[in-house]
Amino acid sequence: MDTKQWRIEVFLTEEGGRTTATARLRTGAGEVLDASGTARLNPVDRNVPEIGDELATARALSALAHRLLDVAAEDIEDVTHKHVRLEG
């Protein structure tokens, strides 16, 4: 059995009612992929920072998943020399 470990770090910043999350994936091969997501506080809503963190992080992780699918498609194309479209 082969076990691998990939790490994802999430960095959050908040400024002026906007939360930005950057998700960084480090593969076992040393590759690094970054993606970001944002959440904005509606001026009429109560400020609950945890909700902004959750939304921004979910959006960053979703964007990261799509980036990883694109990388996998490129790798498959390099091996097969055929166009590939992966959907998640």
PDB file of N, CA and C in Angstrom:
ATOM      1  N   MET A   1       0.847  -1.182   0.000  1.00  0.00           N
ATOM      2  CA  MET A   1       0.000   0.000   0.000  1.00  0.00           C
ATOM      3  C   MET A   1       0.887   1.238   0.000  1.00  0.00           C
ATOM      4  N   ASP A   2       0.564   2.155  -0.890  1.00  0.00           N
ATOM      5  CA  ASP A   2       1.327   3.398  -1.008  1.00  0.00           C
ATOM      6  C   ASP A   2       0.490   4.539  -0.464  1.00  0.00           C
ATOM      7  N   THR A   3       0.998   5.233   0.530  1.00  0.00           N
ATOM      8  CA  THR A   3       0.289   6.366   1.122  1.00  0.00           C
ATOM      9  C   THR A   3       1.040   7.649   0.793  1.00  0.00           C
ATOM     10  N   LYS A   4       0.292   8.615   0.304  1.00  0.00           N
ATOM     11  CA  LYS A   4       0.875   9.922  -0.010  1.00  0.00           C
ATOM     12  C   LYS A   4       0.160  10.979   0.816  1.00  0.00           C
ATOM     13  N   GLN A   5       0.854  12.064   1.024  1.00  0.00           N
ATOM     14  CA  GLN A   5       0.238  13.164   1.764  1.00  0.00           C
ATOM     15  C   GLN A   5       0.431  14.455   0.993  1.00  0.00           C
ATOM     16  N   TRP A   6      -0.696  15.111   0.721  1.00  0.00           N
ATOM     17  CA  TRP A   6      -0.683  16.435   0.117  1.00  0.00           C
ATOM     18  C   TRP A   6      -1.235  17.398   1.153  1.00  0.00           C
ATOM     19  N   ARG A   7      -0.678  18.572   1.203  1.00  0.00           N
ATOM     20  CA  ARG A   7      -1.112  19.551   2.201  1.00  0.00           C
ATOM     21  C   ARG A   7      -1.787  20.741   1.535  1.00  0.00           C
ATOM     22  N   ILE A   8      -2.862  21.197   2.171  1.00  0.00           N
ATOM     23  CA  ILE A   8      -3.530  22.422   1.739  1.00  0.00           C
ATOM     24  C   ILE A   8      -3.494  23.394   2.904  1.00  0.00           C
ATOM     25  N   GLU A   9      -3.001  24.587   2.632  1.00  0.00           N
ATOM     26  CA  GLU A   9      -3.017  25.661   3.619  1.00  0.00           C
ATOM     27  C   GLU A   9      -4.007  26.712   3.129  1.00  0.00           C
ATOM     28  N   VAL A  10      -4.703  27.321   4.058  1.00  0.00           N
ATOM     29  CA  VAL A  10      -5.635  28.402   3.717  1.00  0.00           C
ATOM     30  C   VAL A  10      -5.217  29.642   4.489  1.00  0.00           C
ATOM     31  N   PHE A  11      -5.033  30.730   3.762  1.00  0.00           N
ATOM     32  CA  PHE A  11      -4.643  32.007   4.356  1.00  0.00           C
ATOM     33  C   PHE A  11      -5.823  32.967   4.204  1.00  0.00           C
ATOM     34  N   LEU A  12      -6.238  33.588   5.282  1.00  0.00           N
ATOM     35  CA  LEU A  12      -7.397  34.487   5.284  1.00  0.00           C
ATOM     36  C   LEU A  12      -6.974  35.906   5.634  1.00  0.00           C
ATOM     37  N   THR A  13      -7.519  36.861   4.861  1.00  0.00           N
ATOM     38  CA  THR A  13      -7.322  38.265   5.202  1.00  0.00           C
ATOM     39  C   THR A  13      -8.678  38.955   5.158  1.00  0.00           C
ATOM     40  N   GLU A  14      -8.870  39.895   6.059  1.00  0.00           N
ATOM     41  CA  GLU A  14     -10.114  40.655   6.111  1.00  0.00           C
ATOM     42  C   GLU A  14      -9.774  42.137   6.054  1.00  0.00           C
ATOM     43  N   GLU A  15     -10.492  42.842   5.187  1.00  0.00           N
ATOM     44  CA  GLU A  15     -10.273  44.280   5.073  1.00  0.00           C
ATOM     45  C   GLU A  15     -11.500  44.923   4.463  1.00  0.00           C
ATOM     46  N   GLY A  16     -12.027  45.920   5.134  1.00  0.00           N
ATOM     47  CA  GLY A  16     -13.125  46.718   4.611  1.00  0.00           C
ATOM     48  C   GLY A  16     -14.363  45.924   4.221  1.00  0.00           C
ATOM     49  N   GLY A  17     -14.732  44.953   5.040  1.00  0.00           N
ATOM     50  CA  GLY A  17     -15.925  44.172   4.757  1.00  0.00           C
ATOM     51  C   GLY A  17     -15.728  43.090   3.706  1.00  0.00           C
ATOM     52  N   ARG A  18     -14.492  42.829   3.339  1.00  0.00           N
ATOM     53  CA  ARG A  18     -14.184  41.798   2.341  1.00  0.00           C
ATOM     54  C   ARG A  18     -13.201  40.800   2.962  1.00  0.00           C
ATOM     55  N   THR A  19     -13.524  39.530   2.821  1.00  0.00           N
ATOM     56  CA  THR A  19     -12.632  38.463   3.269  1.00  0.00           C
ATOM     57  C   THR A  19     -12.083  37.768   2.034  1.00  0.00           C
ATOM     58  N   THR A  20     -10.776  37.583   2.002  1.00  0.00           N
ATOM     59  CA  THR A  20     -10.128  36.868   0.913  1.00  0.00           C
ATOM     60  C   THR A  20      -9.423  35.654   1.483  1.00  0.00           C
ATOM     61  N   ALA A  21      -9.641  34.508   0.843  1.00  0.00           N
ATOM     62  CA  ALA A  21      -8.960  33.275   1.228  1.00  0.00           C
ATOM     63  C   ALA A  21      -8.082  32.843   0.059  1.00  0.00           C
ATOM     64  N   THR A  22      -6.872  32.429   0.373  1.00  0.00           N
ATOM     65  CA  THR A  22      -5.983  31.822  -0.608  1.00  0.00           C
ATOM     66  C   THR A  22      -5.722  30.399  -0.152  1.00  0.00           C
ATOM     67  N   ALA A  23      -6.051  29.442  -1.007  1.00  0.00           N
ATOM     68  CA  ALA A  23      -5.802  28.030  -0.718  1.00  0.00           C
ATOM     69  C   ALA A  23      -4.567  27.609  -1.502  1.00  0.00           C
ATOM     70  N   ARG A  24      -3.611  26.999  -0.814  1.00  0.00           N
ATOM     71  CA  ARG A  24      -2.360  26.580  -1.442  1.00  0.00           C
ATOM     72  C   ARG A  24      -2.195  25.078  -1.246  1.00  0.00           C
ATOM     73  N   LEU A  25      -2.100  24.366  -2.362  1.00  0.00           N
ATOM     74  CA  LEU A  25      -1.900  22.913  -2.344  1.00  0.00           C
ATOM     75  C   LEU A  25      -0.443  22.614  -2.626  1.00  0.00           C
ATOM     76  N   ARG A  26       0.142  21.781  -1.770  1.00  0.00           N
ATOM     77  CA  ARG A  26       1.508  21.300  -1.999  1.00  0.00           C
ATOM     78  C   ARG A  26       1.425  19.787  -2.193  1.00  0.00           C
ATOM     79  N   THR A  27       1.800  19.343  -3.392  1.00  0.00           N
ATOM     80  CA  THR A  27       1.746  17.914  -3.671  1.00  0.00           C
ATOM     81  C   THR A  27       3.007  17.244  -3.131  1.00  0.00           C
ATOM     82  N   GLY A  28       2.975  15.923  -3.098  1.00  0.00           N
ATOM     83  CA  GLY A  28       4.142  15.172  -2.657  1.00  0.00           C
ATOM     84  C   GLY A  28       5.337  15.365  -3.577  1.00  0.00           C
ATOM     85  N   ALA A  29       5.073  15.720  -4.842  1.00  0.00           N
ATOM     86  CA  ALA A  29       6.143  15.953  -5.818  1.00  0.00           C
ATOM     87  C   ALA A  29       6.691  17.370  -5.725  1.00  0.00           C
ATOM     88  N   GLY A  30       6.165  18.160  -4.805  1.00  0.00           N
ATOM     89  CA  GLY A  30       6.665  19.518  -4.624  1.00  0.00           C
ATOM     90  C   GLY A  30       5.975  20.575  -5.458  1.00  0.00           C
ATOM     91  N   GLU A  31       4.958  20.187  -6.222  1.00  0.00           N
ATOM     92  CA  GLU A  31       4.211  21.186  -6.991  1.00  0.00           C
ATOM     93  C   GLU A  31       3.361  22.026  -6.046  1.00  0.00           C
ATOM     94  N   VAL A  32       3.164  23.276  -6.418  1.00  0.00           N
ATOM     95  CA  VAL A  32       2.337  24.182  -5.631  1.00  0.00           C
ATOM     96  C   VAL A  32       1.279  24.796  -6.540  1.00  0.00           C
ATOM     97  N   LEU A  33       0.022  24.700  -6.124  1.00  0.00           N
ATOM     98  CA  LEU A  33      -1.085  25.338  -6.832  1.00  0.00           C
ATOM     99  C   LEU A  33      -1.778  26.281  -5.865  1.00  0.00           C
ATOM    100  N   ASP A  34      -2.101  27.483  -6.327  1.00  0.00           N
ATOM    101  CA  ASP A  34      -2.811  28.468  -5.518  1.00  0.00           C
ATOM    102  C   ASP A  34      -4.132  28.833  -6.181  1.00  0.00           C
ATOM    103  N   ALA A  35      -5.119  29.134  -5.365  1.00  0.00           N
ATOM    104  CA  ALA A  35      -6.389  29.660  -5.851  1.00  0.00           C
ATOM    105  C   ALA A  35      -6.980  30.532  -4.756  1.00  0.00           C
ATOM    106  N   SER A  36      -7.830  31.470  -5.148  1.00  0.00           N
ATOM    107  CA  SER A  36      -8.393  32.367  -4.141  1.00  0.00           C
ATOM    108  C   SER A  36      -9.900  32.464  -4.277  1.00  0.00           C
ATOM    109  N   GLY A  37     -10.508  32.934  -3.207  1.00  0.00           N
ATOM    110  CA  GLY A  37     -11.942  33.171  -3.168  1.00  0.00           C
ATOM    111  C   GLY A  37     -12.216  34.342  -2.253  1.00  0.00           C
ATOM    112  N   THR A  38     -13.336  35.015  -2.468  1.00  0.00           N
ATOM    113  CA  THR A  38     -13.672  36.175  -1.648  1.00  0.00           C
ATOM    114  C   THR A  38     -15.113  36.092  -1.150  1.00  0.00           C
ATOM    115  N   ALA A  39     -15.352  36.847  -0.107  1.00  0.00           N
ATOM    116  CA  ALA A  39     -16.701  37.042   0.431  1.00  0.00           C
ATOM    117  C   ALA A  39     -16.805  38.502   0.825  1.00  0.00           C
ATOM    118  N   ARG A  40     -17.963  39.099   0.555  1.00  0.00           N
ATOM    119  CA  ARG A  40     -18.173  40.509   0.894  1.00  0.00           C
ATOM    120  C   ARG A  40     -19.347  40.636   1.849  1.00  0.00           C
ATOM    121  N   LEU A  41     -19.161  41.469   2.819  1.00  0.00           N
ATOM    122  CA  LEU A  41     -20.214  41.736   3.796  1.00  0.00           C
ATOM    123  C   LEU A  41     -21.215  42.713   3.201  1.00  0.00           C
ATOM    124  N   ASN A  42     -22.462  42.307   3.181  1.00  0.00           N
ATOM    125  CA  ASN A  42     -23.524  43.214   2.766  1.00  0.00           C
ATOM    126  C   ASN A  42     -23.676  44.264   3.869  1.00  0.00           C
ATOM    127  N   PRO A  43     -23.671  45.544   3.540  1.00  0.00           N
ATOM    128  CA  PRO A  43     -23.728  46.587   4.568  1.00  0.00           C
ATOM    129  C   PRO A  43     -24.940  46.489   5.504  1.00  0.00           C
ATOM    130  N   VAL A  44     -26.013  45.855   5.068  1.00  0.00           N
ATOM    131  CA  VAL A  44     -27.194  45.742   5.931  1.00  0.00           C
ATOM    132  C   VAL A  44     -27.140  44.506   6.832  1.00  0.00           C
ATOM    133  N   ASP A  45     -26.160  43.619   6.619  1.00  0.00           N
ATOM    134  CA  ASP A  45     -26.043  42.408   7.426  1.00  0.00           C
ATOM    135  C   ASP A  45     -25.163  42.646   8.645  1.00  0.00           C
ATOM    136  N   ARG A  46     -25.393  41.836   9.658  1.00  0.00           N
ATOM    137  CA  ARG A  46     -24.552  41.863  10.855  1.00  0.00           C
ATOM    138  C   ARG A  46     -23.193  41.261  10.509  1.00  0.00           C
ATOM    139  N   ASN A  47     -22.125  41.837  11.013  1.00  0.00           N
ATOM    140  CA  ASN A  47     -20.776  41.356  10.737  1.00  0.00           C
ATOM    141  C   ASN A  47     -20.478  40.116  11.573  1.00  0.00           C
ATOM    142  N   VAL A  48     -20.417  38.961  10.917  1.00  0.00           N
ATOM    143  CA  VAL A  48     -20.041  37.699  11.567  1.00  0.00           C
ATOM    144  C   VAL A  48     -18.824  37.180  10.795  1.00  0.00           C
ATOM    145  N   PRO A  49     -17.610  37.496  11.268  1.00  0.00           N
ATOM    146  CA  PRO A  49     -16.401  37.160  10.515  1.00  0.00           C
ATOM    147  C   PRO A  49     -16.290  35.687  10.134  1.00  0.00           C
ATOM    148  N   GLU A  50     -16.776  34.795  10.980  1.00  0.00           N
ATOM    149  CA  GLU A  50     -16.674  33.370  10.687  1.00  0.00           C
ATOM    150  C   GLU A  50     -17.400  33.008   9.382  1.00  0.00           C
ATOM    151  N   ILE A  51     -18.524  33.656   9.116  1.00  0.00           N
ATOM    152  CA  ILE A  51     -19.267  33.379   7.893  1.00  0.00           C
ATOM    153  C   ILE A  51     -18.459  33.822   6.665  1.00  0.00           C
ATOM    154  N   GLY A  52     -17.857  34.984   6.742  1.00  0.00           N
ATOM    155  CA  GLY A  52     -16.995  35.440   5.649  1.00  0.00           C
ATOM    156  C   GLY A  52     -15.828  34.495   5.424  1.00  0.00           C
ATOM    157  N   ASP A  53     -15.232  34.010   6.525  1.00  0.00           N
ATOM    158  CA  ASP A  53     -14.133  33.043   6.415  1.00  0.00           C
ATOM    159  C   ASP A  53     -14.603  31.773   5.719  1.00  0.00           C
ATOM    160  N   GLU A  54     -15.769  31.285   6.108  1.00  0.00           N
ATOM    161  CA  GLU A  54     -16.307  30.047   5.527  1.00  0.00           C
ATOM    162  C   GLU A  54     -16.584  30.204   4.033  1.00  0.00           C
ATOM    163  N   LEU A  55     -17.246  31.291   3.673  1.00  0.00           N
ATOM    164  CA  LEU A  55     -17.578  31.515   2.260  1.00  0.00           C
ATOM    165  C   LEU A  55     -16.323  31.693   1.404  1.00  0.00           C
ATOM    166  N   ALA A  56     -15.409  32.519   1.871  1.00  0.00           N
ATOM    167  CA  ALA A  56     -14.190  32.762   1.097  1.00  0.00           C
ATOM    168  C   ALA A  56     -13.372  31.484   0.965  1.00  0.00           C
ATOM    169  N   THR A  57     -13.284  30.704   2.037  1.00  0.00           N
ATOM    170  CA  THR A  57     -12.528  29.452   1.997  1.00  0.00           C
ATOM    171  C   THR A  57     -13.185  28.452   1.063  1.00  0.00           C
ATOM    172  N   ALA A  58     -14.504  28.316   1.135  1.00  0.00           N
ATOM    173  CA  ALA A  58     -15.209  27.393   0.235  1.00  0.00           C
ATOM    174  C   ALA A  58     -14.965  27.774  -1.219  1.00  0.00           C
ATOM    175  N   ARG A  59     -14.996  29.057  -1.515  1.00  0.00           N
ATOM    176  CA  ARG A  59     -14.779  29.513  -2.888  1.00  0.00           C
ATOM    177  C   ARG A  59     -13.336  29.280  -3.332  1.00  0.00           C
ATOM    178  N   ALA A  60     -12.387  29.477  -2.430  1.00  0.00           N
ATOM    179  CA  ALA A  60     -10.979  29.221  -2.760  1.00  0.00           C
ATOM    180  C   ALA A  60     -10.741  27.734  -3.004  1.00  0.00           C
ATOM    181  N   LEU A  61     -11.322  26.876  -2.166  1.00  0.00           N
ATOM    182  CA  LEU A  61     -11.146  25.437  -2.344  1.00  0.00           C
ATOM    183  C   LEU A  61     -11.812  24.951  -3.624  1.00  0.00           C
ATOM    184  N   SER A  62     -12.953  25.517  -3.964  1.00  0.00           N
ATOM    185  CA  SER A  62     -13.621  25.163  -5.211  1.00  0.00           C
ATOM    186  C   SER A  62     -12.752  25.558  -6.414  1.00  0.00           C
ATOM    187  N   ALA A  63     -12.197  26.760  -6.370  1.00  0.00           N
ATOM    188  CA  ALA A  63     -11.321  27.220  -7.446  1.00  0.00           C
ATOM    189  C   ALA A  63     -10.069  26.346  -7.533  1.00  0.00           C
ATOM    190  N   LEU A  64      -9.551  25.929  -6.383  1.00  0.00           N
ATOM    191  CA  LEU A  64      -8.376  25.058  -6.353  1.00  0.00           C
ATOM    192  C   LEU A  64      -8.697  23.701  -6.978  1.00  0.00           C
ATOM    193  N   ALA A  65      -9.867  23.165  -6.692  1.00  0.00           N
ATOM    194  CA  ALA A  65     -10.284  21.889  -7.282  1.00  0.00           C
ATOM    195  C   ALA A  65     -10.335  21.993  -8.806  1.00  0.00           C
ATOM    196  N   HIS A  66     -10.856  23.099  -9.315  1.00  0.00           N
ATOM    197  CA  HIS A  66     -10.923  23.289 -10.762  1.00  0.00           C
ATOM    198  C   HIS A  66      -9.529  23.439 -11.371  1.00  0.00           C
ATOM    199  N   ARG A  67      -8.645  24.113 -10.668  1.00  0.00           N
ATOM    200  CA  ARG A  67      -7.255  24.236 -11.146  1.00  0.00           C
ATOM    201  C   ARG A  67      -6.594  22.868 -11.212  1.00  0.00           C
ATOM    202  N   LEU A  68      -6.844  22.038 -10.192  1.00  0.00           N
ATOM    203  CA  LEU A  68      -6.245  20.707 -10.156  1.00  0.00           C
ATOM    204  C   LEU A  68      -6.781  19.840 -11.296  1.00  0.00           C
ATOM    205  N   LEU A  69      -8.075  19.963 -11.611  1.00  0.00           N
ATOM    206  CA  LEU A  69      -8.638  19.250 -12.754  1.00  0.00           C
ATOM    207  C   LEU A  69      -7.979  19.698 -14.056  1.00  0.00           C
ATOM    208  N   ASP A  70      -7.724  20.991 -14.199  1.00  0.00           N
ATOM    209  CA  ASP A  70      -7.048  21.504 -15.395  1.00  0.00           C
ATOM    210  C   ASP A  70      -5.639  20.927 -15.517  1.00  0.00           C
ATOM    211  N   VAL A  71      -4.921  20.868 -14.407  1.00  0.00           N
ATOM    212  CA  VAL A  71      -3.567  20.306 -14.412  1.00  0.00           C
ATOM    213  C   VAL A  71      -3.608  18.825 -14.783  1.00  0.00           C
ATOM    214  N   ALA A  72      -4.560  18.097 -14.222  1.00  0.00           N
ATOM    215  CA  ALA A  72      -4.688  16.674 -14.553  1.00  0.00           C
ATOM    216  C   ALA A  72      -4.998  16.489 -16.029  1.00  0.00           C
ATOM    217  N   ALA A  73      -5.874  17.319 -16.585  1.00  0.00           N
ATOM    218  CA  ALA A  73      -6.204  17.230 -18.007  1.00  0.00           C
ATOM    219  C   ALA A  73      -4.963  17.495 -18.862  1.00  0.00           C
ATOM    220  N   GLU A  74      -4.180  18.499 -18.497  1.00  0.00           N
ATOM    221  CA  GLU A  74      -2.954  18.802 -19.229  1.00  0.00           C
ATOM    222  C   GLU A  74      -1.985  17.626 -19.178  1.00  0.00           C
ATOM    223  N   ASP A  75      -1.870  17.000 -18.017  1.00  0.00           N
ATOM    224  CA  ASP A  75      -0.975  15.843 -17.872  1.00  0.00           C
ATOM    225  C   ASP A  75      -1.450  14.676 -18.739  1.00  0.00           C
ATOM    226  N   ILE A  76      -2.758  14.434 -18.765  1.00  0.00           N
ATOM    227  CA  ILE A  76      -3.308  13.365 -19.603  1.00  0.00           C
ATOM    228  C   ILE A  76      -3.041  13.665 -21.074  1.00  0.00           C
ATOM    229  N   GLU A  77      -3.243  14.930 -21.480  1.00  0.00           N
ATOM    230  CA  GLU A  77      -2.991  15.319 -22.871  1.00  0.00           C
ATOM    231  C   GLU A  77      -1.527  15.113 -23.251  1.00  0.00           C
ATOM    232  N   ASP A  78      -0.622  15.409 -22.309  1.00  0.00           N
ATOM    233  CA  ASP A  78       0.807  15.214 -22.577  1.00  0.00           C
ATOM    234  C   ASP A  78       1.131  13.743 -22.827  1.00  0.00           C
ATOM    235  N   VAL A  79       0.434  12.851 -22.150  1.00  0.00           N
ATOM    236  CA  VAL A  79       0.687  11.414 -22.288  1.00  0.00           C
ATOM    237  C   VAL A  79      -0.013  10.831 -23.513  1.00  0.00           C
ATOM    238  N   THR A  80      -1.257  11.240 -23.736  1.00  0.00           N
ATOM    239  CA  THR A  80      -2.064  10.626 -24.800  1.00  0.00           C
ATOM    240  C   THR A  80      -2.007  11.376 -26.121  1.00  0.00           C
ATOM    241  N   HIS A  81      -1.568  12.632 -26.092  1.00  0.00           N
ATOM    242  CA  HIS A  81      -1.552  13.511 -27.270  1.00  0.00           C
ATOM    243  C   HIS A  81      -2.955  13.698 -27.852  1.00  0.00           C
ATOM    244  N   LYS A  82      -3.952  13.656 -26.967  1.00  0.00           N
ATOM    245  CA  LYS A  82      -5.341  13.889 -27.352  1.00  0.00           C
ATOM    246  C   LYS A  82      -5.944  14.926 -26.417  1.00  0.00           C
ATOM    247  N   HIS A  83      -6.874  15.735 -26.951  1.00  0.00           N
ATOM    248  CA  HIS A  83      -7.542  16.738 -26.139  1.00  0.00           C
ATOM    249  C   HIS A  83      -8.425  16.054 -25.085  1.00  0.00           C
ATOM    250  N   VAL A  84      -8.356  16.551 -23.872  1.00  0.00           N
ATOM    251  CA  VAL A  84      -9.124  15.995 -22.757  1.00  0.00           C
ATOM    252  C   VAL A  84      -9.862  17.121 -22.063  1.00  0.00           C
ATOM    253  N   ARG A  85     -11.088  16.858 -21.683  1.00  0.00           N
ATOM    254  CA  ARG A  85     -11.864  17.814 -20.894  1.00  0.00           C
ATOM    255  C   ARG A  85     -12.398  17.065 -19.673  1.00  0.00           C
ATOM    256  N   LEU A  86     -11.910  17.452 -18.507  1.00  0.00           N
ATOM    257  CA  LEU A  86     -12.358  16.850 -17.259  1.00  0.00           C
ATOM    258  C   LEU A  86     -13.304  17.795 -16.550  1.00  0.00           C
ATOM    259  N   GLU A  87     -14.376  17.270 -16.039  1.00  0.00           N
ATOM    260  CA  GLU A  87     -15.329  18.088 -15.282  1.00  0.00           C
ATOM    261  C   GLU A  87     -15.446  17.493 -13.884  1.00  0.00           C
ATOM    262  N   GLY A  88     -15.679  18.373 -12.923  1.00  0.00           N
ATOM    263  CA  GLY A  88     -15.745  17.898 -11.560  1.00  0.00           C
ATOM    264  C   GLY A  88     -17.027  18.021 -10.924  1.00  0.00           C
TER     265      GLY A  88
END
